[in-house]
Amino acid sequence: MSKAIRLAGRITEWNDDKGFGFVVPNGGGDRAFVHISEFPRGTRRPVQGDLVSYLPGKDDRGRLQARQLKLAGQKVEAPRTPSKLPRAAMGLVALAAAGALGFFGALPQPLALAYGIASLVAYAMYFFDKSAAGRGARRIPEATLHLASVFGGWPGALVAQQQFRHKTIKQPFQSVFWMTVAINIGLFAWLVHSGRLEGPMG
C-alpha cells in the first residue's frame, strides 16, 4: 500500500471570518479547498500567502480538498487536551433551574418558557453553522450567535458548543460569548432585585 505524498503549496485565498480558503501547489496545479479544522490545534490562524504542506484529497462531492495542513516551519504537535469545562451540564442545569423557578412561581412562566425557546433557537443555529463550516457554505454571523445568547439562548449554546465541538477553541469568540452570558444574567438579576419580575404567586 503506497503512502500518500504531502504536497507543498501556498494559501492564495483566505477568509478568516468563515475559516476557509484555497491553496495552490508549488509549481502550479489545481487549487484545493482549505478549512481551518484541518490545521492542528494550537496552530496560529493562517493568512493569505502562507506556505503550507498538505495531503491532497476530495470531499463528498469530489472536489479537491487539502487535508492535515501544516504551516511551513511548524512542527506538528499532539492535540491539546480538550477543555474540561462541562458546558453541556452547565447549560442543562441553567435550563432546569429556569423551569423549576417557573413551575414553583418564583419566575414568570412566560419568561421561563422564553429561556427554553431561545436555547432551542441557539442550539439550532450552532448546529447549522457547524454544518455549513464543514461544507464551506454560508455561515451564520458570530454577532447573530452572540445576540441569541444575550436574549437567553446561552444555555442551549453551551450544550451545542460541547456536543458539536464548535466555537470552543476560538478565544475571541469565547471571550465575547461569556460576556453575553454575564450581560443576560446581570439583566435578569437586576429585574429580580428591582421587583420588576414577579411570578404568578408573587
N, C-alpha and C. Protein backbone atom coordinates (compact mmCIF):
# COMPACT_ATOMS: atom_id res chain seq x y z
N MET A 1 0.85 -1.20 0.00
CA MET A 1 0.00 0.00 0.00
C MET A 1 0.88 1.24 0.00
N SER A 2 0.73 2.12 -1.00
CA SER A 2 1.57 3.30 -1.11
C SER A 2 1.15 4.37 -0.11
N LYS A 3 2.15 5.08 0.38
CA LYS A 3 1.90 6.13 1.34
C LYS A 3 1.57 7.43 0.62
N ALA A 4 0.56 8.14 1.11
CA ALA A 4 0.17 9.40 0.49
C ALA A 4 1.32 10.39 0.56
N ILE A 5 1.52 11.15 -0.50
CA ILE A 5 2.61 12.11 -0.58
C ILE A 5 2.10 13.50 -0.23
N ARG A 6 2.79 14.15 0.69
CA ARG A 6 2.43 15.51 1.05
C ARG A 6 2.89 16.47 -0.03
N LEU A 7 2.06 17.47 -0.30
CA LEU A 7 2.39 18.50 -1.28
C LEU A 7 2.73 19.80 -0.56
N ALA A 8 3.54 20.61 -1.20
CA ALA A 8 3.85 21.95 -0.68
C ALA A 8 3.10 22.96 -1.53
N GLY A 9 2.58 23.97 -0.91
CA GLY A 9 1.82 24.98 -1.65
C GLY A 9 1.72 26.27 -0.88
N ARG A 10 0.90 27.16 -1.41
CA ARG A 10 0.72 28.47 -0.80
C ARG A 10 -0.77 28.78 -0.73
N ILE A 11 -1.20 29.35 0.39
CA ILE A 11 -2.59 29.76 0.53
C ILE A 11 -2.79 31.03 -0.31
N THR A 12 -3.62 30.93 -1.33
CA THR A 12 -3.83 32.06 -2.24
C THR A 12 -5.07 32.87 -1.88
N GLU A 13 -6.00 32.26 -1.14
CA GLU A 13 -7.20 32.96 -0.68
C GLU A 13 -7.51 32.49 0.73
N TRP A 14 -7.94 33.41 1.59
CA TRP A 14 -8.29 33.02 2.96
C TRP A 14 -9.33 33.98 3.53
N ASN A 15 -10.43 33.42 3.99
CA ASN A 15 -11.50 34.17 4.65
C ASN A 15 -11.48 33.78 6.12
N ASP A 16 -10.88 34.61 6.96
CA ASP A 16 -10.69 34.23 8.36
C ASP A 16 -12.01 34.18 9.12
N ASP A 17 -12.97 35.03 8.76
CA ASP A 17 -14.26 35.02 9.45
C ASP A 17 -14.98 33.69 9.26
N LYS A 18 -14.87 33.13 8.07
CA LYS A 18 -15.53 31.86 7.76
C LYS A 18 -14.61 30.65 7.95
N GLY A 19 -13.30 30.90 8.12
CA GLY A 19 -12.38 29.82 8.40
C GLY A 19 -12.07 28.90 7.23
N PHE A 20 -12.05 29.44 6.03
CA PHE A 20 -11.69 28.60 4.90
C PHE A 20 -11.03 29.43 3.80
N GLY A 21 -10.41 28.73 2.86
CA GLY A 21 -9.74 29.40 1.74
C GLY A 21 -9.30 28.36 0.73
N PHE A 22 -8.24 28.69 -0.02
CA PHE A 22 -7.75 27.79 -1.06
C PHE A 22 -6.23 27.79 -1.09
N VAL A 23 -5.67 26.65 -1.46
CA VAL A 23 -4.22 26.50 -1.57
C VAL A 23 -3.89 26.01 -2.97
N VAL A 24 -2.80 26.52 -3.53
CA VAL A 24 -2.32 26.10 -4.85
C VAL A 24 -0.94 25.46 -4.68
N PRO A 25 -0.71 24.28 -5.24
CA PRO A 25 0.58 23.62 -5.07
C PRO A 25 1.71 24.38 -5.76
N ASN A 26 2.89 24.30 -5.18
CA ASN A 26 4.07 24.92 -5.80
C ASN A 26 4.31 24.31 -7.17
N GLY A 27 4.66 25.13 -8.13
CA GLY A 27 4.90 24.63 -9.48
C GLY A 27 3.66 24.61 -10.33
N GLY A 28 2.50 25.01 -9.73
CA GLY A 28 1.26 25.04 -10.49
C GLY A 28 0.41 23.81 -10.28
N GLY A 29 -0.84 23.93 -10.63
CA GLY A 29 -1.78 22.82 -10.46
C GLY A 29 -3.11 23.33 -9.98
N ASP A 30 -4.05 22.42 -9.80
CA ASP A 30 -5.39 22.79 -9.38
C ASP A 30 -5.40 23.22 -7.92
N ARG A 31 -6.15 24.25 -7.62
CA ARG A 31 -6.26 24.71 -6.24
C ARG A 31 -7.14 23.75 -5.44
N ALA A 32 -6.89 23.68 -4.15
CA ALA A 32 -7.66 22.80 -3.28
C ALA A 32 -8.29 23.62 -2.16
N PHE A 33 -9.45 23.20 -1.74
CA PHE A 33 -10.18 23.86 -0.65
C PHE A 33 -9.46 23.61 0.67
N VAL A 34 -9.41 24.63 1.51
CA VAL A 34 -8.75 24.54 2.82
C VAL A 34 -9.75 24.94 3.89
N HIS A 35 -9.89 24.13 4.95
CA HIS A 35 -10.73 24.50 6.09
C HIS A 35 -9.89 24.54 7.35
N ILE A 36 -10.20 25.47 8.23
CA ILE A 36 -9.42 25.67 9.44
C ILE A 36 -9.32 24.42 10.30
N SER A 37 -10.33 23.55 10.22
CA SER A 37 -10.33 22.33 11.05
C SER A 37 -9.25 21.35 10.64
N GLU A 38 -8.64 21.54 9.46
CA GLU A 38 -7.60 20.62 9.00
C GLU A 38 -6.21 21.02 9.52
N PHE A 39 -6.12 22.15 10.23
CA PHE A 39 -4.85 22.54 10.86
C PHE A 39 -4.80 21.95 12.26
N PRO A 40 -3.62 21.58 12.75
CA PRO A 40 -3.51 21.06 14.11
C PRO A 40 -3.96 22.10 15.13
N ARG A 41 -4.56 21.64 16.21
CA ARG A 41 -4.96 22.55 17.27
C ARG A 41 -3.73 23.25 17.83
N GLY A 42 -3.85 24.52 18.10
CA GLY A 42 -2.72 25.27 18.60
C GLY A 42 -2.00 26.04 17.52
N THR A 43 -2.33 25.75 16.25
CA THR A 43 -1.72 26.47 15.14
C THR A 43 -2.27 27.89 15.09
N ARG A 44 -1.41 28.86 14.80
CA ARG A 44 -1.91 30.22 14.64
C ARG A 44 -2.87 30.27 13.46
N ARG A 45 -3.69 31.30 13.41
CA ARG A 45 -4.63 31.45 12.30
C ARG A 45 -3.85 31.69 11.01
N PRO A 46 -4.13 30.93 9.97
CA PRO A 46 -3.42 31.13 8.70
C PRO A 46 -3.83 32.45 8.05
N VAL A 47 -2.98 32.93 7.16
CA VAL A 47 -3.27 34.14 6.40
C VAL A 47 -2.93 33.88 4.94
N GLN A 48 -3.47 34.72 4.07
CA GLN A 48 -3.16 34.60 2.65
C GLN A 48 -1.66 34.77 2.42
N GLY A 49 -1.08 33.86 1.63
CA GLY A 49 0.34 33.90 1.34
C GLY A 49 1.16 32.91 2.15
N ASP A 50 0.56 32.29 3.18
CA ASP A 50 1.29 31.32 3.99
C ASP A 50 1.71 30.11 3.15
N LEU A 51 2.93 29.63 3.40
CA LEU A 51 3.39 28.39 2.80
C LEU A 51 2.95 27.24 3.68
N VAL A 52 2.42 26.21 3.07
CA VAL A 52 1.91 25.06 3.82
C VAL A 52 2.29 23.76 3.12
N SER A 53 2.19 22.68 3.87
CA SER A 53 2.26 21.34 3.27
C SER A 53 0.94 20.66 3.61
N TYR A 54 0.51 19.74 2.75
CA TYR A 54 -0.81 19.12 2.95
C TYR A 54 -0.91 17.81 2.19
N LEU A 55 -1.92 17.05 2.56
CA LEU A 55 -2.25 15.82 1.84
C LEU A 55 -3.43 16.12 0.93
N PRO A 56 -3.31 15.86 -0.36
CA PRO A 56 -4.44 16.10 -1.27
C PRO A 56 -5.54 15.06 -1.06
N GLY A 57 -6.76 15.51 -1.16
CA GLY A 57 -7.90 14.60 -1.01
C GLY A 57 -9.11 15.17 -1.72
N LYS A 58 -10.26 14.57 -1.48
CA LYS A 58 -11.50 15.04 -2.10
C LYS A 58 -12.62 15.01 -1.07
N ASP A 59 -13.56 15.97 -1.22
CA ASP A 59 -14.70 15.99 -0.32
C ASP A 59 -15.79 15.07 -0.84
N ASP A 60 -16.97 15.14 -0.21
CA ASP A 60 -18.07 14.24 -0.59
C ASP A 60 -18.57 14.45 -2.01
N ARG A 61 -18.30 15.64 -2.56
CA ARG A 61 -18.76 15.93 -3.93
C ARG A 61 -17.64 15.82 -4.95
N GLY A 62 -16.54 15.24 -4.54
CA GLY A 62 -15.44 15.00 -5.46
C GLY A 62 -14.54 16.19 -5.73
N ARG A 63 -14.67 17.26 -4.95
CA ARG A 63 -13.83 18.43 -5.14
C ARG A 63 -12.52 18.28 -4.38
N LEU A 64 -11.46 18.88 -4.92
CA LEU A 64 -10.16 18.81 -4.27
C LEU A 64 -10.20 19.50 -2.91
N GLN A 65 -9.64 18.85 -1.91
CA GLN A 65 -9.59 19.42 -0.58
C GLN A 65 -8.26 19.07 0.07
N ALA A 66 -7.65 20.06 0.72
CA ALA A 66 -6.37 19.85 1.40
C ALA A 66 -6.64 19.30 2.80
N ARG A 67 -5.91 18.24 3.16
CA ARG A 67 -6.08 17.60 4.46
C ARG A 67 -4.79 17.71 5.27
N GLN A 68 -4.96 17.66 6.60
CA GLN A 68 -3.82 17.61 7.52
C GLN A 68 -2.78 18.68 7.18
N LEU A 69 -3.23 19.91 7.13
CA LEU A 69 -2.33 21.00 6.77
C LEU A 69 -1.33 21.31 7.87
N LYS A 70 -0.19 21.81 7.45
CA LYS A 70 0.88 22.19 8.36
C LYS A 70 1.56 23.43 7.81
N LEU A 71 1.62 24.48 8.64
CA LEU A 71 2.31 25.69 8.22
C LEU A 71 3.80 25.42 8.08
N ALA A 72 4.42 26.01 7.08
CA ALA A 72 5.84 25.80 6.84
C ALA A 72 6.66 26.19 8.06
N GLY A 73 7.55 25.30 8.47
CA GLY A 73 8.43 25.57 9.60
C GLY A 73 7.82 25.27 10.95
N GLN A 74 6.60 24.76 10.97
CA GLN A 74 5.95 24.46 12.25
C GLN A 74 5.87 22.96 12.46
N LYS A 75 6.25 22.52 13.63
CA LYS A 75 6.19 21.11 13.96
C LYS A 75 4.74 20.74 14.30
N VAL A 76 4.36 19.57 13.86
CA VAL A 76 3.02 19.09 14.18
C VAL A 76 3.06 18.51 15.59
N GLU A 77 2.31 19.10 16.50
CA GLU A 77 2.31 18.66 17.89
C GLU A 77 1.04 17.87 18.18
N ALA A 78 1.11 17.12 19.26
CA ALA A 78 -0.07 16.36 19.67
C ALA A 78 -1.19 17.31 20.02
N PRO A 79 -2.43 16.96 19.73
CA PRO A 79 -3.56 17.84 20.03
C PRO A 79 -3.60 18.20 21.51
N ARG A 80 -4.04 19.40 21.79
CA ARG A 80 -4.16 19.83 23.16
C ARG A 80 -5.27 19.06 23.87
N THR A 81 -5.14 18.94 25.17
CA THR A 81 -6.17 18.28 25.94
C THR A 81 -7.46 19.09 25.85
N PRO A 82 -8.55 18.45 25.45
CA PRO A 82 -9.80 19.19 25.31
C PRO A 82 -10.20 19.87 26.62
N SER A 83 -10.88 21.00 26.48
CA SER A 83 -11.34 21.72 27.67
C SER A 83 -12.25 20.83 28.51
N LYS A 84 -12.02 20.86 29.82
CA LYS A 84 -12.81 20.05 30.73
C LYS A 84 -14.01 20.81 31.28
N LEU A 85 -14.23 22.02 30.76
CA LEU A 85 -15.38 22.79 31.20
C LEU A 85 -16.66 22.06 30.82
N PRO A 86 -17.49 21.71 31.79
CA PRO A 86 -18.72 20.95 31.49
C PRO A 86 -19.81 21.84 30.90
N ARG A 87 -19.61 22.27 29.67
CA ARG A 87 -20.53 23.21 29.05
C ARG A 87 -21.96 22.67 28.99
N ALA A 88 -22.09 21.44 28.52
CA ALA A 88 -23.43 20.87 28.37
C ALA A 88 -24.14 20.78 29.71
N ALA A 89 -23.42 20.33 30.73
CA ALA A 89 -24.03 20.21 32.06
C ALA A 89 -24.44 21.57 32.59
N MET A 90 -23.60 22.59 32.37
CA MET A 90 -23.93 23.94 32.83
C MET A 90 -25.19 24.45 32.14
N GLY A 91 -25.29 24.21 30.84
CA GLY A 91 -26.46 24.66 30.11
C GLY A 91 -27.72 23.96 30.55
N LEU A 92 -27.64 22.65 30.74
CA LEU A 92 -28.82 21.89 31.15
C LEU A 92 -29.26 22.26 32.57
N VAL A 93 -28.29 22.50 33.46
CA VAL A 93 -28.63 22.91 34.82
C VAL A 93 -29.33 24.27 34.80
N ALA A 94 -28.84 25.19 33.96
CA ALA A 94 -29.47 26.51 33.86
C ALA A 94 -30.91 26.40 33.37
N LEU A 95 -31.12 25.55 32.37
CA LEU A 95 -32.48 25.37 31.86
C LEU A 95 -33.38 24.72 32.90
N ALA A 96 -32.84 23.74 33.63
CA ALA A 96 -33.63 23.08 34.67
C ALA A 96 -33.99 24.06 35.78
N ALA A 97 -33.05 24.94 36.12
CA ALA A 97 -33.30 25.93 37.16
C ALA A 97 -34.40 26.89 36.72
N ALA A 98 -34.33 27.35 35.46
CA ALA A 98 -35.36 28.26 34.95
C ALA A 98 -36.72 27.58 34.95
N GLY A 99 -36.74 26.30 34.55
CA GLY A 99 -38.00 25.57 34.54
C GLY A 99 -38.58 25.39 35.93
N ALA A 100 -37.69 25.08 36.90
CA ALA A 100 -38.15 24.88 38.27
C ALA A 100 -38.67 26.18 38.87
N LEU A 101 -37.97 27.29 38.64
CA LEU A 101 -38.41 28.58 39.15
C LEU A 101 -39.77 28.97 38.57
N GLY A 102 -39.95 28.67 37.27
CA GLY A 102 -41.23 28.96 36.65
C GLY A 102 -42.34 28.08 37.21
N PHE A 103 -42.02 26.81 37.45
CA PHE A 103 -43.03 25.86 37.95
C PHE A 103 -43.50 26.23 39.35
N PHE A 104 -42.58 26.67 40.21
CA PHE A 104 -42.93 27.00 41.59
C PHE A 104 -43.35 28.46 41.78
N GLY A 105 -43.42 29.20 40.67
CA GLY A 105 -43.94 30.55 40.75
C GLY A 105 -42.94 31.61 41.13
N ALA A 106 -41.65 31.24 41.27
CA ALA A 106 -40.64 32.23 41.61
C ALA A 106 -40.21 33.04 40.40
N LEU A 107 -40.60 32.57 39.23
CA LEU A 107 -40.25 33.23 37.97
C LEU A 107 -41.48 33.19 37.06
N PRO A 108 -41.82 34.29 36.40
CA PRO A 108 -42.97 34.25 35.48
C PRO A 108 -42.80 33.12 34.47
N GLN A 109 -43.82 32.32 34.34
CA GLN A 109 -43.73 31.17 33.44
C GLN A 109 -43.41 31.56 32.00
N PRO A 110 -43.94 32.67 31.49
CA PRO A 110 -43.57 33.07 30.12
C PRO A 110 -42.07 33.31 29.97
N LEU A 111 -41.44 33.86 31.02
CA LEU A 111 -40.01 34.11 30.94
C LEU A 111 -39.24 32.80 30.98
N ALA A 112 -39.66 31.87 31.84
CA ALA A 112 -39.01 30.56 31.90
C ALA A 112 -39.14 29.86 30.55
N LEU A 113 -40.31 29.97 29.94
CA LEU A 113 -40.53 29.36 28.63
C LEU A 113 -39.66 30.03 27.57
N ALA A 114 -39.48 31.34 27.71
CA ALA A 114 -38.66 32.08 26.75
C ALA A 114 -37.22 31.60 26.77
N TYR A 115 -36.70 31.28 27.95
CA TYR A 115 -35.34 30.74 28.05
C TYR A 115 -35.23 29.42 27.29
N GLY A 116 -36.26 28.59 27.44
CA GLY A 116 -36.23 27.31 26.75
C GLY A 116 -36.28 27.47 25.24
N ILE A 117 -37.16 28.36 24.77
CA ILE A 117 -37.29 28.58 23.33
C ILE A 117 -36.02 29.21 22.77
N ALA A 118 -35.48 30.21 23.46
CA ALA A 118 -34.25 30.86 23.00
C ALA A 118 -33.09 29.87 22.95
N SER A 119 -33.06 28.95 23.90
CA SER A 119 -31.99 27.95 23.92
C SER A 119 -32.13 26.98 22.75
N LEU A 120 -33.35 26.61 22.42
CA LEU A 120 -33.57 25.74 21.26
C LEU A 120 -33.14 26.44 19.97
N VAL A 121 -33.44 27.73 19.87
CA VAL A 121 -33.05 28.50 18.69
C VAL A 121 -31.53 28.58 18.59
N ALA A 122 -30.87 28.89 19.72
CA ALA A 122 -29.41 28.98 19.73
C ALA A 122 -28.78 27.63 19.38
N TYR A 123 -29.32 26.56 19.94
CA TYR A 123 -28.81 25.21 19.65
C TYR A 123 -28.89 24.92 18.15
N ALA A 124 -30.03 25.24 17.55
CA ALA A 124 -30.21 25.01 16.11
C ALA A 124 -29.24 25.85 15.29
N MET A 125 -29.02 27.09 15.72
CA MET A 125 -28.11 27.97 14.99
C MET A 125 -26.69 27.42 15.01
N TYR A 126 -26.24 26.91 16.15
CA TYR A 126 -24.90 26.32 16.23
C TYR A 126 -24.81 25.07 15.35
N PHE A 127 -25.88 24.29 15.34
CA PHE A 127 -25.89 23.08 14.52
C PHE A 127 -25.72 23.43 13.04
N PHE A 128 -26.52 24.39 12.56
CA PHE A 128 -26.46 24.77 11.16
C PHE A 128 -25.13 25.45 10.81
N ASP A 129 -24.58 26.22 11.76
CA ASP A 129 -23.31 26.88 11.49
C ASP A 129 -22.18 25.86 11.41
N LYS A 130 -22.21 24.86 12.28
CA LYS A 130 -21.20 23.80 12.23
C LYS A 130 -21.30 23.03 10.93
N SER A 131 -22.52 22.72 10.51
CA SER A 131 -22.74 22.00 9.25
C SER A 131 -22.24 22.83 8.07
N ALA A 132 -22.53 24.13 8.08
CA ALA A 132 -22.10 25.00 6.99
C ALA A 132 -20.59 25.10 6.93
N ALA A 133 -19.94 25.10 8.11
CA ALA A 133 -18.48 25.18 8.15
C ALA A 133 -17.86 23.96 7.48
N GLY A 134 -18.44 22.80 7.70
CA GLY A 134 -17.91 21.58 7.10
C GLY A 134 -18.11 21.52 5.60
N ARG A 135 -19.15 22.21 5.10
CA ARG A 135 -19.44 22.20 3.67
C ARG A 135 -18.88 23.41 2.94
N GLY A 136 -18.30 24.34 3.70
CA GLY A 136 -17.80 25.56 3.07
C GLY A 136 -18.93 26.45 2.59
N ALA A 137 -20.11 26.32 3.21
CA ALA A 137 -21.29 27.09 2.80
C ALA A 137 -21.37 28.39 3.61
N ARG A 138 -22.39 29.16 3.34
CA ARG A 138 -22.60 30.44 4.03
C ARG A 138 -22.80 30.20 5.51
N ARG A 139 -22.06 30.95 6.34
CA ARG A 139 -22.09 30.76 7.79
C ARG A 139 -23.06 31.73 8.45
N ILE A 140 -23.43 31.40 9.67
CA ILE A 140 -24.22 32.30 10.49
C ILE A 140 -23.26 33.29 11.15
N PRO A 141 -23.47 34.58 11.01
CA PRO A 141 -22.55 35.57 11.60
C PRO A 141 -22.40 35.36 13.10
N GLU A 142 -21.18 35.56 13.58
CA GLU A 142 -20.93 35.40 15.01
C GLU A 142 -21.78 36.37 15.83
N ALA A 143 -22.00 37.57 15.30
CA ALA A 143 -22.82 38.54 16.01
C ALA A 143 -24.23 38.01 16.24
N THR A 144 -24.74 37.23 15.30
CA THR A 144 -26.08 36.66 15.45
C THR A 144 -26.09 35.59 16.53
N LEU A 145 -25.03 34.79 16.58
CA LEU A 145 -24.92 33.77 17.64
C LEU A 145 -24.86 34.44 19.00
N HIS A 146 -24.11 35.53 19.10
CA HIS A 146 -23.99 36.24 20.38
C HIS A 146 -25.32 36.88 20.77
N LEU A 147 -26.04 37.39 19.78
CA LEU A 147 -27.33 38.03 20.06
C LEU A 147 -28.30 37.00 20.66
N ALA A 148 -28.26 35.78 20.14
CA ALA A 148 -29.12 34.73 20.69
C ALA A 148 -28.80 34.46 22.15
N SER A 149 -27.52 34.53 22.50
CA SER A 149 -27.11 34.31 23.89
C SER A 149 -27.57 35.44 24.80
N VAL A 150 -27.45 36.67 24.31
CA VAL A 150 -27.87 37.83 25.10
C VAL A 150 -29.34 37.72 25.46
N PHE A 151 -30.16 37.21 24.53
CA PHE A 151 -31.60 37.12 24.75
C PHE A 151 -32.02 35.80 25.40
N GLY A 152 -31.09 35.16 26.10
CA GLY A 152 -31.44 33.99 26.90
C GLY A 152 -31.13 32.64 26.29
N GLY A 153 -30.49 32.61 25.12
CA GLY A 153 -30.21 31.33 24.49
C GLY A 153 -28.89 30.71 24.88
N TRP A 154 -28.17 31.34 25.82
CA TRP A 154 -26.83 30.83 26.16
C TRP A 154 -26.82 29.41 26.75
N PRO A 155 -27.86 28.97 27.50
CA PRO A 155 -27.81 27.57 27.95
C PRO A 155 -27.77 26.58 26.77
N GLY A 156 -28.61 26.84 25.77
CA GLY A 156 -28.60 25.97 24.59
C GLY A 156 -27.31 26.08 23.81
N ALA A 157 -26.72 27.29 23.80
CA ALA A 157 -25.44 27.48 23.12
C ALA A 157 -24.34 26.66 23.79
N LEU A 158 -24.36 26.62 25.12
CA LEU A 158 -23.36 25.83 25.85
C LEU A 158 -23.47 24.35 25.50
N VAL A 159 -24.69 23.86 25.45
CA VAL A 159 -24.89 22.44 25.10
C VAL A 159 -24.37 22.18 23.69
N ALA A 160 -24.70 23.07 22.76
CA ALA A 160 -24.29 22.89 21.37
C ALA A 160 -22.77 22.99 21.21
N GLN A 161 -22.15 23.91 21.92
CA GLN A 161 -20.69 24.06 21.82
C GLN A 161 -19.98 22.77 22.18
N GLN A 162 -20.44 22.11 23.24
CA GLN A 162 -19.80 20.86 23.64
C GLN A 162 -20.18 19.71 22.72
N GLN A 163 -21.44 19.61 22.38
CA GLN A 163 -21.89 18.48 21.56
C GLN A 163 -21.29 18.51 20.17
N PHE A 164 -21.22 19.68 19.55
CA PHE A 164 -20.72 19.80 18.19
C PHE A 164 -19.25 20.20 18.12
N ARG A 165 -18.63 20.43 19.29
CA ARG A 165 -17.24 20.88 19.35
C ARG A 165 -17.04 22.10 18.44
N HIS A 166 -17.90 23.05 18.67
CA HIS A 166 -17.95 24.22 17.80
C HIS A 166 -17.74 25.51 18.59
N LYS A 167 -16.84 26.35 18.11
CA LYS A 167 -16.58 27.67 18.70
C LYS A 167 -15.95 27.59 20.08
N THR A 168 -15.35 26.46 20.44
CA THR A 168 -14.75 26.34 21.77
C THR A 168 -13.27 26.68 21.78
N ILE A 169 -12.62 26.68 20.62
CA ILE A 169 -11.18 26.93 20.54
C ILE A 169 -10.89 28.40 20.24
N LYS A 170 -11.75 29.03 19.48
CA LYS A 170 -11.53 30.41 19.07
C LYS A 170 -11.75 31.34 20.27
N GLN A 171 -10.64 31.79 20.87
CA GLN A 171 -10.71 32.56 22.10
C GLN A 171 -11.45 33.90 21.98
N PRO A 172 -11.26 34.66 20.90
CA PRO A 172 -12.02 35.91 20.79
C PRO A 172 -13.53 35.67 20.85
N PHE A 173 -13.99 34.60 20.21
CA PHE A 173 -15.41 34.29 20.24
C PHE A 173 -15.84 33.94 21.66
N GLN A 174 -15.04 33.11 22.35
CA GLN A 174 -15.40 32.70 23.70
C GLN A 174 -15.43 33.88 24.66
N SER A 175 -14.52 34.82 24.48
CA SER A 175 -14.50 35.99 25.36
C SER A 175 -15.80 36.78 25.23
N VAL A 176 -16.25 36.98 23.99
CA VAL A 176 -17.50 37.72 23.77
C VAL A 176 -18.68 36.88 24.25
N PHE A 177 -18.62 35.57 24.02
CA PHE A 177 -19.73 34.71 24.43
C PHE A 177 -19.98 34.80 25.93
N TRP A 178 -18.91 34.67 26.72
CA TRP A 178 -19.09 34.73 28.17
C TRP A 178 -19.53 36.11 28.62
N MET A 179 -19.18 37.12 27.84
CA MET A 179 -19.66 38.47 28.13
C MET A 179 -21.18 38.54 27.94
N THR A 180 -21.68 37.87 26.90
CA THR A 180 -23.13 37.86 26.66
C THR A 180 -23.85 37.11 27.78
N VAL A 181 -23.23 36.06 28.29
CA VAL A 181 -23.83 35.31 29.41
C VAL A 181 -23.93 36.22 30.63
N ALA A 182 -22.83 36.96 30.90
CA ALA A 182 -22.81 37.86 32.05
C ALA A 182 -23.85 38.96 31.90
N ILE A 183 -24.00 39.47 30.68
CA ILE A 183 -25.00 40.53 30.44
C ILE A 183 -26.40 40.01 30.71
N ASN A 184 -26.69 38.81 30.20
CA ASN A 184 -28.03 38.25 30.39
C ASN A 184 -28.31 37.97 31.86
N ILE A 185 -27.35 37.37 32.56
CA ILE A 185 -27.55 37.07 33.97
C ILE A 185 -27.65 38.36 34.78
N GLY A 186 -26.82 39.34 34.43
CA GLY A 186 -26.88 40.62 35.13
C GLY A 186 -28.22 41.32 34.95
N LEU A 187 -28.73 41.29 33.73
CA LEU A 187 -30.04 41.90 33.47
C LEU A 187 -31.13 41.16 34.24
N PHE A 188 -31.05 39.84 34.25
CA PHE A 188 -32.02 39.03 34.97
C PHE A 188 -31.98 39.36 36.47
N ALA A 189 -30.76 39.45 37.02
CA ALA A 189 -30.61 39.74 38.45
C ALA A 189 -31.16 41.13 38.78
N TRP A 190 -30.91 42.08 37.89
CA TRP A 190 -31.41 43.44 38.12
C TRP A 190 -32.93 43.47 38.11
N LEU A 191 -33.55 42.75 37.19
CA LEU A 191 -35.01 42.72 37.11
C LEU A 191 -35.60 42.09 38.38
N VAL A 192 -34.95 41.04 38.88
CA VAL A 192 -35.44 40.39 40.11
C VAL A 192 -35.27 41.32 41.30
N HIS A 193 -34.10 41.92 41.40
CA HIS A 193 -33.81 42.80 42.54
C HIS A 193 -34.71 44.03 42.56
N SER A 194 -35.04 44.54 41.39
CA SER A 194 -35.86 45.75 41.32
C SER A 194 -37.35 45.46 41.48
N GLY A 195 -37.69 44.17 41.51
CA GLY A 195 -39.09 43.81 41.68
C GLY A 195 -39.89 43.83 40.41
N ARG A 196 -39.22 44.02 39.29
CA ARG A 196 -39.93 44.05 38.01
C ARG A 196 -40.34 42.66 37.53
N LEU A 197 -39.73 41.64 38.14
CA LEU A 197 -40.11 40.27 37.82
C LEU A 197 -40.86 39.69 39.01
N GLU A 198 -42.08 39.39 38.80
CA GLU A 198 -42.88 38.78 39.85
C GLU A 198 -43.61 37.59 39.28
N GLY A 199 -43.44 36.46 39.93
CA GLY A 199 -44.12 35.27 39.49
C GLY A 199 -45.61 35.39 39.74
N PRO A 200 -46.39 34.44 39.25
CA PRO A 200 -47.84 34.49 39.43
C PRO A 200 -48.26 34.44 40.87
N MET A 201 -47.34 33.95 41.74
CA MET A 201 -47.68 33.83 43.16
C MET A 201 -47.00 34.94 43.96
N GLY A 202 -46.32 35.91 43.21
CA GLY A 202 -45.58 36.94 43.92
C GLY A 202 -46.49 38.01 44.50
